[in-house]
Amino acid sequence: MSELERAGGDSARLLLLVPMAVEASALRRVVPGAALLRTGVGPARAAAAAVKASRLAGAAVAVGGFCGALTGDLRPGDIVVAGEVRGPRGQTVRCSSETLVAALREHGLPRVFTGPVVSADHVVHGAERAVLAAGGALAVDMESVWLAPAAAGRPFAVLRVVLDTPARGARRPLAALSAGLTAWRTLRRAGPALGAWAAA
């Protein structure tokens, strides 16, 4: 069930869509002028939340959260700003990226990468990651392409922080804990840049 937290009042500049509670905890109260909607995990919940979000106030819409890296160049805590999001049935949605990347760097976050983010309808492991990477994508999530209709003509951005990589899978408990803490802290540091992007 999606739930809305209004940090910026009824005149919020940014409608921030966040799938998981732990992602919401990182972004809560650090994104100026934002209303935060927790959407739930996976395609079905994302699609339902997008219908609701398309009717909510906000001059811009962004997705914030974690992702899985598809290439060995990325490590836990790296930021991926989507130039586009792709779905499993060939759908593609362009995203606002240049202004957000500039804002992240101005906020002292140097490891920022821009490229396609693929949304999958299941958790992606092993060889399947290599197949997606061969198509040029940097990261994978389970919501962004289904959340994109929430923009309804407004500027739309996707900011994802790497949680696990092909070499360091989320199924290794100690590695997952360390990576999770790193990703959470980076997502929290990135929050103010989302607010700056919306203001611009």
N, C-alpha and C. Protein backbone atom coordinates (compact mmCIF):
# COMPACT_ATOMS: atom_id res chain seq x y z
N MET A 1 0.85 -1.20 0.00
CA MET A 1 0.00 0.00 0.00
C MET A 1 0.88 1.24 0.00
N SER A 2 0.67 2.14 -0.94
CA SER A 2 1.45 3.37 -1.01
C SER A 2 0.98 4.34 0.07
N GLU A 3 1.91 5.13 0.58
CA GLU A 3 1.56 6.14 1.58
C GLU A 3 2.35 7.40 1.32
N LEU A 4 1.70 8.54 1.54
CA LEU A 4 2.28 9.84 1.20
C LEU A 4 2.70 10.56 2.47
N GLU A 5 3.91 11.10 2.44
CA GLU A 5 4.41 11.94 3.53
C GLU A 5 4.68 13.31 2.94
N ARG A 6 4.05 14.32 3.47
CA ARG A 6 4.21 15.67 2.92
C ARG A 6 5.26 16.43 3.73
N ALA A 7 6.45 16.56 3.14
CA ALA A 7 7.50 17.35 3.76
C ALA A 7 7.45 18.78 3.28
N GLY A 8 6.84 18.98 2.11
CA GLY A 8 6.85 20.31 1.52
C GLY A 8 5.48 20.95 1.47
N GLY A 9 4.50 20.35 2.15
CA GLY A 9 3.17 20.91 2.14
C GLY A 9 2.45 20.63 0.84
N ASP A 10 1.27 21.23 0.67
CA ASP A 10 0.48 20.99 -0.53
C ASP A 10 1.14 21.54 -1.79
N SER A 11 2.07 22.49 -1.63
CA SER A 11 2.71 23.10 -2.80
C SER A 11 4.10 22.51 -3.05
N ALA A 12 4.28 21.24 -2.75
CA ALA A 12 5.57 20.59 -2.93
C ALA A 12 6.07 20.75 -4.36
N ARG A 13 7.35 21.10 -4.49
CA ARG A 13 7.96 21.21 -5.82
C ARG A 13 8.20 19.83 -6.41
N LEU A 14 8.48 18.86 -5.55
CA LEU A 14 8.90 17.53 -6.00
C LEU A 14 8.02 16.45 -5.40
N LEU A 15 7.54 15.56 -6.24
CA LEU A 15 6.88 14.34 -5.79
C LEU A 15 7.91 13.23 -5.91
N LEU A 16 8.35 12.70 -4.78
CA LEU A 16 9.43 11.73 -4.72
C LEU A 16 8.85 10.34 -4.48
N LEU A 17 9.08 9.44 -5.41
CA LEU A 17 8.55 8.08 -5.35
C LEU A 17 9.64 7.14 -4.88
N VAL A 18 9.36 6.43 -3.78
CA VAL A 18 10.37 5.59 -3.14
C VAL A 18 9.77 4.21 -2.86
N PRO A 19 10.31 3.14 -3.42
CA PRO A 19 9.69 1.83 -3.25
C PRO A 19 9.69 1.28 -1.83
N MET A 20 10.84 1.27 -1.15
CA MET A 20 10.97 0.56 0.12
C MET A 20 11.04 1.50 1.32
N ALA A 21 10.63 0.97 2.47
CA ALA A 21 10.67 1.75 3.71
C ALA A 21 12.09 2.17 4.05
N VAL A 22 13.08 1.30 3.82
CA VAL A 22 14.45 1.64 4.17
C VAL A 22 14.96 2.77 3.27
N GLU A 23 14.53 2.80 2.02
CA GLU A 23 14.88 3.91 1.12
C GLU A 23 14.21 5.20 1.58
N ALA A 24 12.95 5.08 1.99
CA ALA A 24 12.23 6.25 2.50
C ALA A 24 12.91 6.81 3.74
N SER A 25 13.43 5.92 4.60
CA SER A 25 14.10 6.40 5.81
C SER A 25 15.36 7.19 5.48
N ALA A 26 16.03 6.85 4.38
CA ALA A 26 17.23 7.59 3.97
C ALA A 26 16.87 8.97 3.44
N LEU A 27 15.74 9.09 2.74
CA LEU A 27 15.39 10.34 2.07
C LEU A 27 14.46 11.24 2.89
N ARG A 28 13.89 10.69 3.95
CA ARG A 28 12.95 11.46 4.77
C ARG A 28 13.63 12.69 5.37
N ARG A 29 13.01 13.84 5.18
CA ARG A 29 13.42 15.12 5.78
C ARG A 29 14.76 15.64 5.25
N VAL A 30 15.27 15.10 4.15
CA VAL A 30 16.52 15.66 3.60
C VAL A 30 16.34 16.19 2.18
N VAL A 31 15.12 16.10 1.63
CA VAL A 31 14.87 16.58 0.27
C VAL A 31 13.99 17.83 0.37
N PRO A 32 14.57 19.01 0.20
CA PRO A 32 13.78 20.24 0.35
C PRO A 32 12.61 20.30 -0.63
N GLY A 33 11.46 20.70 -0.13
CA GLY A 33 10.29 20.92 -0.98
C GLY A 33 9.68 19.68 -1.58
N ALA A 34 9.85 18.53 -0.91
CA ALA A 34 9.38 17.27 -1.49
C ALA A 34 8.23 16.67 -0.69
N ALA A 35 7.31 16.02 -1.40
CA ALA A 35 6.35 15.11 -0.80
C ALA A 35 6.79 13.71 -1.19
N LEU A 36 6.90 12.82 -0.23
CA LEU A 36 7.44 11.48 -0.45
C LEU A 36 6.31 10.46 -0.46
N LEU A 37 6.24 9.67 -1.53
CA LEU A 37 5.24 8.61 -1.65
C LEU A 37 5.95 7.27 -1.66
N ARG A 38 5.69 6.45 -0.64
CA ARG A 38 6.25 5.10 -0.62
C ARG A 38 5.35 4.22 -1.47
N THR A 39 5.92 3.62 -2.51
CA THR A 39 5.13 2.97 -3.54
C THR A 39 4.99 1.47 -3.37
N GLY A 40 5.90 0.85 -2.65
CA GLY A 40 5.94 -0.60 -2.60
C GLY A 40 6.87 -1.15 -3.66
N VAL A 41 7.25 -2.42 -3.51
CA VAL A 41 8.26 -3.05 -4.35
C VAL A 41 7.61 -3.83 -5.48
N GLY A 42 8.22 -3.78 -6.65
CA GLY A 42 7.81 -4.61 -7.78
C GLY A 42 6.87 -3.92 -8.74
N PRO A 43 6.71 -4.52 -9.93
CA PRO A 43 5.93 -3.89 -11.01
C PRO A 43 4.47 -3.60 -10.66
N ALA A 44 3.78 -4.54 -10.05
CA ALA A 44 2.35 -4.35 -9.79
C ALA A 44 2.11 -3.18 -8.84
N ARG A 45 2.87 -3.13 -7.76
CA ARG A 45 2.71 -2.02 -6.81
C ARG A 45 3.14 -0.71 -7.43
N ALA A 46 4.22 -0.75 -8.23
CA ALA A 46 4.68 0.48 -8.88
C ALA A 46 3.64 1.02 -9.84
N ALA A 47 3.04 0.15 -10.63
CA ALA A 47 2.03 0.60 -11.59
C ALA A 47 0.82 1.19 -10.89
N ALA A 48 0.39 0.57 -9.79
CA ALA A 48 -0.75 1.10 -9.03
C ALA A 48 -0.41 2.45 -8.41
N ALA A 49 0.82 2.56 -7.87
CA ALA A 49 1.24 3.83 -7.26
C ALA A 49 1.35 4.94 -8.30
N ALA A 50 1.75 4.58 -9.53
CA ALA A 50 1.87 5.59 -10.58
C ALA A 50 0.53 6.21 -10.91
N VAL A 51 -0.52 5.42 -10.89
CA VAL A 51 -1.86 5.96 -11.16
C VAL A 51 -2.22 6.99 -10.09
N LYS A 52 -1.97 6.64 -8.84
CA LYS A 52 -2.24 7.57 -7.74
C LYS A 52 -1.36 8.81 -7.85
N ALA A 53 -0.07 8.61 -8.10
CA ALA A 53 0.88 9.72 -8.12
C ALA A 53 0.62 10.68 -9.26
N SER A 54 0.07 10.18 -10.36
CA SER A 54 -0.20 11.06 -11.51
C SER A 54 -1.22 12.14 -11.18
N ARG A 55 -1.99 11.92 -10.11
CA ARG A 55 -3.00 12.90 -9.69
C ARG A 55 -2.56 13.76 -8.53
N LEU A 56 -1.34 13.54 -8.03
CA LEU A 56 -0.84 14.30 -6.89
C LEU A 56 -0.06 15.53 -7.35
N ALA A 57 -0.01 16.53 -6.45
CA ALA A 57 0.69 17.77 -6.75
C ALA A 57 2.20 17.55 -6.79
N GLY A 58 2.86 18.42 -7.52
CA GLY A 58 4.31 18.38 -7.63
C GLY A 58 4.72 18.87 -9.01
N ALA A 59 5.66 19.81 -9.06
CA ALA A 59 6.09 20.34 -10.34
C ALA A 59 6.98 19.37 -11.09
N ALA A 60 7.62 18.46 -10.36
CA ALA A 60 8.50 17.45 -10.95
C ALA A 60 8.33 16.15 -10.19
N VAL A 61 8.72 15.04 -10.82
CA VAL A 61 8.58 13.71 -10.22
C VAL A 61 9.92 13.00 -10.33
N ALA A 62 10.33 12.35 -9.24
CA ALA A 62 11.58 11.59 -9.26
C ALA A 62 11.40 10.28 -8.52
N VAL A 63 12.17 9.29 -8.94
CA VAL A 63 12.26 8.01 -8.24
C VAL A 63 13.60 7.98 -7.53
N GLY A 64 13.59 7.59 -6.26
CA GLY A 64 14.82 7.45 -5.50
C GLY A 64 14.88 6.10 -4.83
N GLY A 65 16.07 5.48 -4.82
CA GLY A 65 16.18 4.19 -4.16
C GLY A 65 17.46 3.46 -4.54
N PHE A 66 17.44 2.14 -4.34
CA PHE A 66 18.61 1.31 -4.59
C PHE A 66 18.48 0.59 -5.93
N CYS A 67 19.60 0.00 -6.37
CA CYS A 67 19.60 -0.77 -7.62
C CYS A 67 20.69 -1.82 -7.54
N GLY A 68 20.67 -2.72 -8.51
CA GLY A 68 21.76 -3.66 -8.69
C GLY A 68 22.60 -3.22 -9.87
N ALA A 69 23.92 -3.24 -9.71
CA ALA A 69 24.81 -2.87 -10.81
C ALA A 69 24.87 -4.01 -11.83
N LEU A 70 25.05 -3.64 -13.08
CA LEU A 70 25.18 -4.64 -14.14
C LEU A 70 26.61 -4.77 -14.64
N THR A 71 27.46 -3.83 -14.30
CA THR A 71 28.84 -3.86 -14.78
C THR A 71 29.82 -3.84 -13.61
N GLY A 72 31.03 -4.31 -13.89
CA GLY A 72 32.05 -4.34 -12.86
C GLY A 72 32.65 -2.99 -12.54
N ASP A 73 32.30 -1.97 -13.33
CA ASP A 73 32.82 -0.62 -13.06
C ASP A 73 32.17 0.02 -11.85
N LEU A 74 31.00 -0.46 -11.48
CA LEU A 74 30.26 0.13 -10.37
C LEU A 74 30.49 -0.64 -9.09
N ARG A 75 30.40 0.09 -7.98
CA ARG A 75 30.57 -0.53 -6.66
C ARG A 75 29.48 -0.03 -5.73
N PRO A 76 29.25 -0.73 -4.62
CA PRO A 76 28.20 -0.29 -3.69
C PRO A 76 28.40 1.15 -3.25
N GLY A 77 27.32 1.92 -3.30
CA GLY A 77 27.38 3.33 -2.95
C GLY A 77 27.51 4.26 -4.13
N ASP A 78 27.81 3.73 -5.31
CA ASP A 78 27.83 4.57 -6.51
C ASP A 78 26.41 5.00 -6.88
N ILE A 79 26.30 6.17 -7.47
CA ILE A 79 24.99 6.71 -7.87
C ILE A 79 24.82 6.54 -9.37
N VAL A 80 23.66 6.02 -9.75
CA VAL A 80 23.30 5.91 -11.16
C VAL A 80 22.10 6.83 -11.41
N VAL A 81 22.29 7.80 -12.29
CA VAL A 81 21.21 8.67 -12.73
C VAL A 81 20.78 8.18 -14.11
N ALA A 82 19.53 7.81 -14.24
CA ALA A 82 19.06 7.23 -15.50
C ALA A 82 18.94 8.28 -16.59
N GLY A 83 19.56 8.00 -17.75
CA GLY A 83 19.29 8.79 -18.93
C GLY A 83 17.99 8.35 -19.57
N GLU A 84 17.68 7.06 -19.34
CA GLU A 84 16.41 6.48 -19.75
C GLU A 84 16.16 5.25 -18.90
N VAL A 85 14.89 4.88 -18.77
CA VAL A 85 14.55 3.61 -18.14
C VAL A 85 13.91 2.71 -19.19
N ARG A 86 14.24 1.43 -19.10
CA ARG A 86 13.77 0.44 -20.06
C ARG A 86 12.98 -0.65 -19.35
N GLY A 87 11.94 -1.13 -20.01
CA GLY A 87 11.13 -2.19 -19.45
C GLY A 87 11.35 -3.51 -20.16
N PRO A 88 10.84 -4.59 -19.60
CA PRO A 88 11.08 -5.92 -20.18
C PRO A 88 10.37 -6.16 -21.50
N ARG A 89 9.42 -5.33 -21.86
CA ARG A 89 8.70 -5.49 -23.13
C ARG A 89 9.12 -4.45 -24.17
N GLY A 90 10.31 -3.88 -23.97
CA GLY A 90 10.85 -2.95 -24.95
C GLY A 90 10.47 -1.50 -24.73
N GLN A 91 9.67 -1.20 -23.71
CA GLN A 91 9.29 0.19 -23.47
C GLN A 91 10.50 0.99 -22.97
N THR A 92 10.59 2.24 -23.41
CA THR A 92 11.69 3.12 -23.03
C THR A 92 11.13 4.49 -22.67
N VAL A 93 11.60 5.05 -21.57
CA VAL A 93 11.18 6.38 -21.13
C VAL A 93 12.42 7.23 -20.89
N ARG A 94 12.49 8.38 -21.56
CA ARG A 94 13.61 9.30 -21.35
C ARG A 94 13.47 9.99 -20.00
N CYS A 95 14.63 10.27 -19.39
CA CYS A 95 14.65 10.91 -18.07
C CYS A 95 15.50 12.17 -18.10
N SER A 96 15.19 13.08 -17.19
CA SER A 96 16.01 14.27 -16.98
C SER A 96 17.26 13.84 -16.22
N SER A 97 18.44 14.20 -16.70
CA SER A 97 19.64 13.71 -16.03
C SER A 97 20.73 14.77 -15.84
N GLU A 98 20.97 15.64 -16.81
CA GLU A 98 22.13 16.52 -16.74
C GLU A 98 22.10 17.45 -15.53
N THR A 99 20.96 18.07 -15.28
CA THR A 99 20.85 19.00 -14.15
C THR A 99 21.00 18.26 -12.83
N LEU A 100 20.46 17.05 -12.74
CA LEU A 100 20.58 16.26 -11.52
C LEU A 100 22.02 15.83 -11.28
N VAL A 101 22.72 15.41 -12.32
CA VAL A 101 24.13 15.03 -12.17
C VAL A 101 24.94 16.23 -11.68
N ALA A 102 24.70 17.40 -12.25
CA ALA A 102 25.42 18.61 -11.82
C ALA A 102 25.14 18.92 -10.36
N ALA A 103 23.87 18.77 -9.94
CA ALA A 103 23.52 19.04 -8.54
C ALA A 103 24.20 18.05 -7.60
N LEU A 104 24.28 16.79 -7.99
CA LEU A 104 24.95 15.78 -7.15
C LEU A 104 26.42 16.11 -6.98
N ARG A 105 27.06 16.53 -8.05
CA ARG A 105 28.49 16.86 -7.96
C ARG A 105 28.70 18.11 -7.12
N GLU A 106 27.77 19.07 -7.23
CA GLU A 106 27.87 20.27 -6.41
C GLU A 106 27.71 19.94 -4.92
N HIS A 107 27.00 18.85 -4.63
CA HIS A 107 26.82 18.41 -3.24
C HIS A 107 27.93 17.44 -2.80
N GLY A 108 29.01 17.37 -3.56
CA GLY A 108 30.18 16.61 -3.15
C GLY A 108 30.09 15.11 -3.36
N LEU A 109 29.31 14.68 -4.33
CA LEU A 109 29.16 13.25 -4.62
C LEU A 109 29.82 12.97 -5.98
N PRO A 110 31.07 12.53 -5.98
CA PRO A 110 31.81 12.43 -7.24
C PRO A 110 31.51 11.17 -8.05
N ARG A 111 31.13 10.07 -7.41
CA ARG A 111 30.93 8.81 -8.16
C ARG A 111 29.49 8.73 -8.63
N VAL A 112 29.24 9.47 -9.71
CA VAL A 112 27.91 9.56 -10.31
C VAL A 112 28.02 9.11 -11.76
N PHE A 113 27.16 8.18 -12.16
CA PHE A 113 27.19 7.61 -13.50
C PHE A 113 25.83 7.81 -14.16
N THR A 114 25.85 8.06 -15.46
CA THR A 114 24.61 8.28 -16.20
C THR A 114 24.49 7.25 -17.31
N GLY A 115 23.31 6.67 -17.44
CA GLY A 115 23.07 5.70 -18.50
C GLY A 115 21.73 5.04 -18.32
N PRO A 116 21.43 4.05 -19.16
CA PRO A 116 20.14 3.36 -19.06
C PRO A 116 20.02 2.53 -17.78
N VAL A 117 18.84 2.55 -17.20
CA VAL A 117 18.48 1.67 -16.09
C VAL A 117 17.36 0.76 -16.58
N VAL A 118 17.54 -0.53 -16.38
CA VAL A 118 16.54 -1.51 -16.80
C VAL A 118 15.66 -1.87 -15.61
N SER A 119 14.37 -1.90 -15.83
CA SER A 119 13.44 -2.39 -14.81
C SER A 119 13.02 -3.81 -15.18
N ALA A 120 13.21 -4.73 -14.25
CA ALA A 120 12.87 -6.14 -14.46
C ALA A 120 11.69 -6.52 -13.57
N ASP A 121 10.98 -7.56 -13.98
CA ASP A 121 9.83 -8.00 -13.18
C ASP A 121 10.20 -9.11 -12.21
N HIS A 122 11.51 -9.30 -11.98
CA HIS A 122 12.01 -10.31 -11.03
C HIS A 122 13.42 -9.90 -10.62
N VAL A 123 13.92 -10.53 -9.57
CA VAL A 123 15.30 -10.25 -9.13
C VAL A 123 16.26 -10.87 -10.15
N VAL A 124 17.23 -10.06 -10.59
CA VAL A 124 18.15 -10.48 -11.65
C VAL A 124 19.48 -10.90 -11.04
N HIS A 125 19.93 -12.10 -11.41
CA HIS A 125 21.21 -12.62 -10.90
C HIS A 125 22.07 -13.10 -12.06
N GLY A 126 23.37 -13.30 -11.77
CA GLY A 126 24.29 -14.03 -12.62
C GLY A 126 24.32 -13.61 -14.08
N ALA A 127 24.17 -14.63 -14.95
CA ALA A 127 24.33 -14.41 -16.38
C ALA A 127 23.32 -13.42 -16.94
N GLU A 128 22.15 -13.34 -16.29
CA GLU A 128 21.14 -12.41 -16.79
C GLU A 128 21.61 -10.96 -16.68
N ARG A 129 22.41 -10.67 -15.67
CA ARG A 129 22.97 -9.32 -15.55
C ARG A 129 23.89 -9.01 -16.73
N ALA A 130 24.69 -10.00 -17.12
CA ALA A 130 25.60 -9.80 -18.24
C ALA A 130 24.83 -9.53 -19.53
N VAL A 131 23.71 -10.20 -19.72
CA VAL A 131 22.88 -9.98 -20.91
C VAL A 131 22.36 -8.56 -20.93
N LEU A 132 21.87 -8.07 -19.79
CA LEU A 132 21.36 -6.70 -19.73
C LEU A 132 22.48 -5.68 -19.93
N ALA A 133 23.65 -5.96 -19.36
CA ALA A 133 24.79 -5.06 -19.52
C ALA A 133 25.22 -4.98 -20.97
N ALA A 134 25.12 -6.09 -21.70
CA ALA A 134 25.51 -6.11 -23.11
C ALA A 134 24.64 -5.16 -23.95
N GLY A 135 23.45 -4.86 -23.46
CA GLY A 135 22.57 -3.90 -24.13
C GLY A 135 22.86 -2.46 -23.75
N GLY A 136 23.90 -2.23 -22.94
CA GLY A 136 24.32 -0.88 -22.60
C GLY A 136 23.79 -0.35 -21.28
N ALA A 137 22.99 -1.14 -20.57
CA ALA A 137 22.43 -0.66 -19.30
C ALA A 137 23.46 -0.71 -18.20
N LEU A 138 23.34 0.21 -17.24
CA LEU A 138 24.25 0.27 -16.10
C LEU A 138 23.72 -0.45 -14.87
N ALA A 139 22.40 -0.43 -14.69
CA ALA A 139 21.82 -0.92 -13.44
C ALA A 139 20.43 -1.48 -13.68
N VAL A 140 19.96 -2.24 -12.70
CA VAL A 140 18.64 -2.85 -12.79
C VAL A 140 17.86 -2.57 -11.50
N ASP A 141 16.55 -2.31 -11.66
CA ASP A 141 15.65 -2.20 -10.52
C ASP A 141 14.35 -2.92 -10.87
N MET A 142 13.34 -2.79 -10.01
CA MET A 142 12.08 -3.49 -10.26
C MET A 142 10.88 -2.55 -10.28
N GLU A 143 11.13 -1.23 -10.45
CA GLU A 143 10.00 -0.31 -10.38
C GLU A 143 10.02 0.85 -11.37
N SER A 144 11.17 1.38 -11.73
CA SER A 144 11.23 2.71 -12.35
C SER A 144 10.39 2.86 -13.61
N VAL A 145 10.44 1.89 -14.52
CA VAL A 145 9.69 2.06 -15.76
C VAL A 145 8.19 2.05 -15.51
N TRP A 146 7.75 1.34 -14.48
CA TRP A 146 6.32 1.31 -14.15
C TRP A 146 5.89 2.53 -13.35
N LEU A 147 6.85 3.22 -12.73
CA LEU A 147 6.55 4.46 -12.04
C LEU A 147 6.56 5.67 -12.97
N ALA A 148 7.18 5.53 -14.12
CA ALA A 148 7.34 6.67 -15.04
C ALA A 148 6.02 7.35 -15.42
N PRO A 149 4.91 6.62 -15.62
CA PRO A 149 3.66 7.32 -15.98
C PRO A 149 3.18 8.30 -14.92
N ALA A 150 3.70 8.20 -13.70
CA ALA A 150 3.33 9.15 -12.65
C ALA A 150 3.70 10.58 -13.02
N ALA A 151 4.71 10.73 -13.88
CA ALA A 151 5.14 12.08 -14.25
C ALA A 151 4.03 12.83 -14.98
N ALA A 152 3.28 12.15 -15.81
CA ALA A 152 2.13 12.76 -16.50
C ALA A 152 2.49 14.10 -17.14
N GLY A 153 3.60 14.11 -17.88
CA GLY A 153 4.03 15.32 -18.58
C GLY A 153 4.99 16.20 -17.80
N ARG A 154 5.23 15.89 -16.54
CA ARG A 154 6.16 16.69 -15.73
C ARG A 154 7.58 16.17 -15.89
N PRO A 155 8.60 16.98 -15.56
CA PRO A 155 9.98 16.48 -15.57
C PRO A 155 10.10 15.24 -14.70
N PHE A 156 10.86 14.25 -15.18
CA PHE A 156 10.97 12.95 -14.51
C PHE A 156 12.43 12.55 -14.41
N ALA A 157 12.86 12.17 -13.21
CA ALA A 157 14.24 11.73 -13.00
C ALA A 157 14.25 10.45 -12.19
N VAL A 158 15.31 9.67 -12.37
CA VAL A 158 15.51 8.44 -11.60
C VAL A 158 16.92 8.45 -11.04
N LEU A 159 17.01 8.38 -9.72
CA LEU A 159 18.29 8.31 -9.02
C LEU A 159 18.32 7.01 -8.23
N ARG A 160 19.27 6.16 -8.56
CA ARG A 160 19.42 4.89 -7.88
C ARG A 160 20.84 4.76 -7.35
N VAL A 161 20.98 4.18 -6.16
CA VAL A 161 22.28 3.95 -5.55
C VAL A 161 22.56 2.45 -5.57
N VAL A 162 23.77 2.09 -6.00
CA VAL A 162 24.13 0.68 -6.14
C VAL A 162 24.16 -0.01 -4.78
N LEU A 163 23.41 -1.09 -4.69
CA LEU A 163 23.37 -1.91 -3.48
C LEU A 163 24.23 -3.15 -3.63
N ASP A 164 24.18 -3.78 -4.80
CA ASP A 164 25.01 -4.96 -5.03
C ASP A 164 25.52 -4.96 -6.46
N THR A 165 26.58 -5.71 -6.69
CA THR A 165 27.25 -5.75 -7.98
C THR A 165 27.36 -7.19 -8.45
N PRO A 166 27.72 -7.42 -9.71
CA PRO A 166 27.90 -8.79 -10.17
C PRO A 166 28.92 -9.58 -9.33
N ALA A 167 29.95 -8.88 -8.85
CA ALA A 167 30.99 -9.56 -8.07
C ALA A 167 30.63 -9.69 -6.60
N ARG A 168 29.73 -8.82 -6.12
CA ARG A 168 29.37 -8.83 -4.69
C ARG A 168 27.86 -8.91 -4.59
N GLY A 169 27.34 -10.11 -4.69
CA GLY A 169 25.90 -10.31 -4.69
C GLY A 169 25.26 -10.03 -3.35
N ALA A 170 23.96 -9.70 -3.39
CA ALA A 170 23.21 -9.40 -2.16
C ALA A 170 22.97 -10.63 -1.31
N ARG A 171 23.27 -11.83 -1.84
CA ARG A 171 23.00 -13.06 -1.08
C ARG A 171 24.12 -13.41 -0.11
N ARG A 172 25.22 -12.65 -0.12
CA ARG A 172 26.30 -12.86 0.86
C ARG A 172 26.04 -11.95 2.05
N PRO A 173 25.67 -12.51 3.21
CA PRO A 173 25.16 -11.69 4.33
C PRO A 173 26.06 -10.54 4.77
N LEU A 174 27.34 -10.81 5.03
CA LEU A 174 28.21 -9.74 5.53
C LEU A 174 28.44 -8.68 4.45
N ALA A 175 28.66 -9.13 3.22
CA ALA A 175 28.85 -8.17 2.13
C ALA A 175 27.59 -7.35 1.93
N ALA A 176 26.43 -8.00 2.05
CA ALA A 176 25.16 -7.29 1.86
C ALA A 176 24.95 -6.24 2.94
N LEU A 177 25.31 -6.56 4.18
CA LEU A 177 25.15 -5.60 5.27
C LEU A 177 26.03 -4.38 5.06
N SER A 178 27.29 -4.61 4.73
CA SER A 178 28.22 -3.50 4.49
C SER A 178 27.77 -2.65 3.32
N ALA A 179 27.38 -3.33 2.23
CA ALA A 179 26.92 -2.59 1.04
C ALA A 179 25.65 -1.81 1.34
N GLY A 180 24.76 -2.40 2.13
CA GLY A 180 23.51 -1.74 2.47
C GLY A 180 23.74 -0.45 3.25
N LEU A 181 24.64 -0.49 4.19
CA LEU A 181 24.95 0.71 4.98
C LEU A 181 25.56 1.80 4.09
N THR A 182 26.47 1.38 3.21
CA THR A 182 27.09 2.33 2.30
C THR A 182 26.06 2.96 1.37
N ALA A 183 25.18 2.13 0.81
CA ALA A 183 24.16 2.64 -0.11
C ALA A 183 23.18 3.56 0.61
N TRP A 184 22.79 3.21 1.82
CA TRP A 184 21.84 4.03 2.58
C TRP A 184 22.43 5.42 2.86
N ARG A 185 23.69 5.44 3.28
CA ARG A 185 24.33 6.73 3.57
C ARG A 185 24.47 7.59 2.32
N THR A 186 24.80 6.95 1.20
CA THR A 186 24.92 7.72 -0.05
C THR A 186 23.56 8.26 -0.48
N LEU A 187 22.52 7.45 -0.38
CA LEU A 187 21.19 7.91 -0.76
C LEU A 187 20.78 9.10 0.08
N ARG A 188 21.09 9.07 1.35
CA ARG A 188 20.75 10.19 2.23
C ARG A 188 21.52 11.45 1.84
N ARG A 189 22.80 11.28 1.50
CA ARG A 189 23.60 12.43 1.07
C ARG A 189 23.09 12.99 -0.26
N ALA A 190 22.50 12.13 -1.09
CA ALA A 190 22.03 12.56 -2.41
C ALA A 190 20.71 13.31 -2.34
N GLY A 191 19.96 13.17 -1.25
CA GLY A 191 18.64 13.77 -1.14
C GLY A 191 18.57 15.25 -1.45
N PRO A 192 19.45 16.07 -0.87
CA PRO A 192 19.37 17.51 -1.17
C PRO A 192 19.54 17.84 -2.65
N ALA A 193 20.31 17.03 -3.38
CA ALA A 193 20.49 17.28 -4.81
C ALA A 193 19.20 17.04 -5.58
N LEU A 194 18.38 16.11 -5.14
CA LEU A 194 17.06 15.92 -5.77
C LEU A 194 16.21 17.17 -5.59
N GLY A 195 16.27 17.76 -4.40
CA GLY A 195 15.54 19.01 -4.18
C GLY A 195 16.05 20.13 -5.06
N ALA A 196 17.37 20.21 -5.23
CA ALA A 196 17.96 21.24 -6.10
C ALA A 196 17.54 21.03 -7.55
N TRP A 197 17.50 19.76 -7.99
CA TRP A 197 17.07 19.47 -9.36
C TRP A 197 15.63 19.94 -9.59
N ALA A 198 14.76 19.63 -8.64
CA ALA A 198 13.35 20.02 -8.78
C ALA A 198 13.20 21.54 -8.81
N ALA A 199 13.99 22.23 -7.99
CA ALA A 199 13.92 23.69 -7.96
C ALA A 199 14.39 24.30 -9.26
N ALA A 200 15.33 23.63 -9.92
CA ALA A 200 15.88 24.16 -11.19
C ALA A 200 14.93 23.92 -12.35
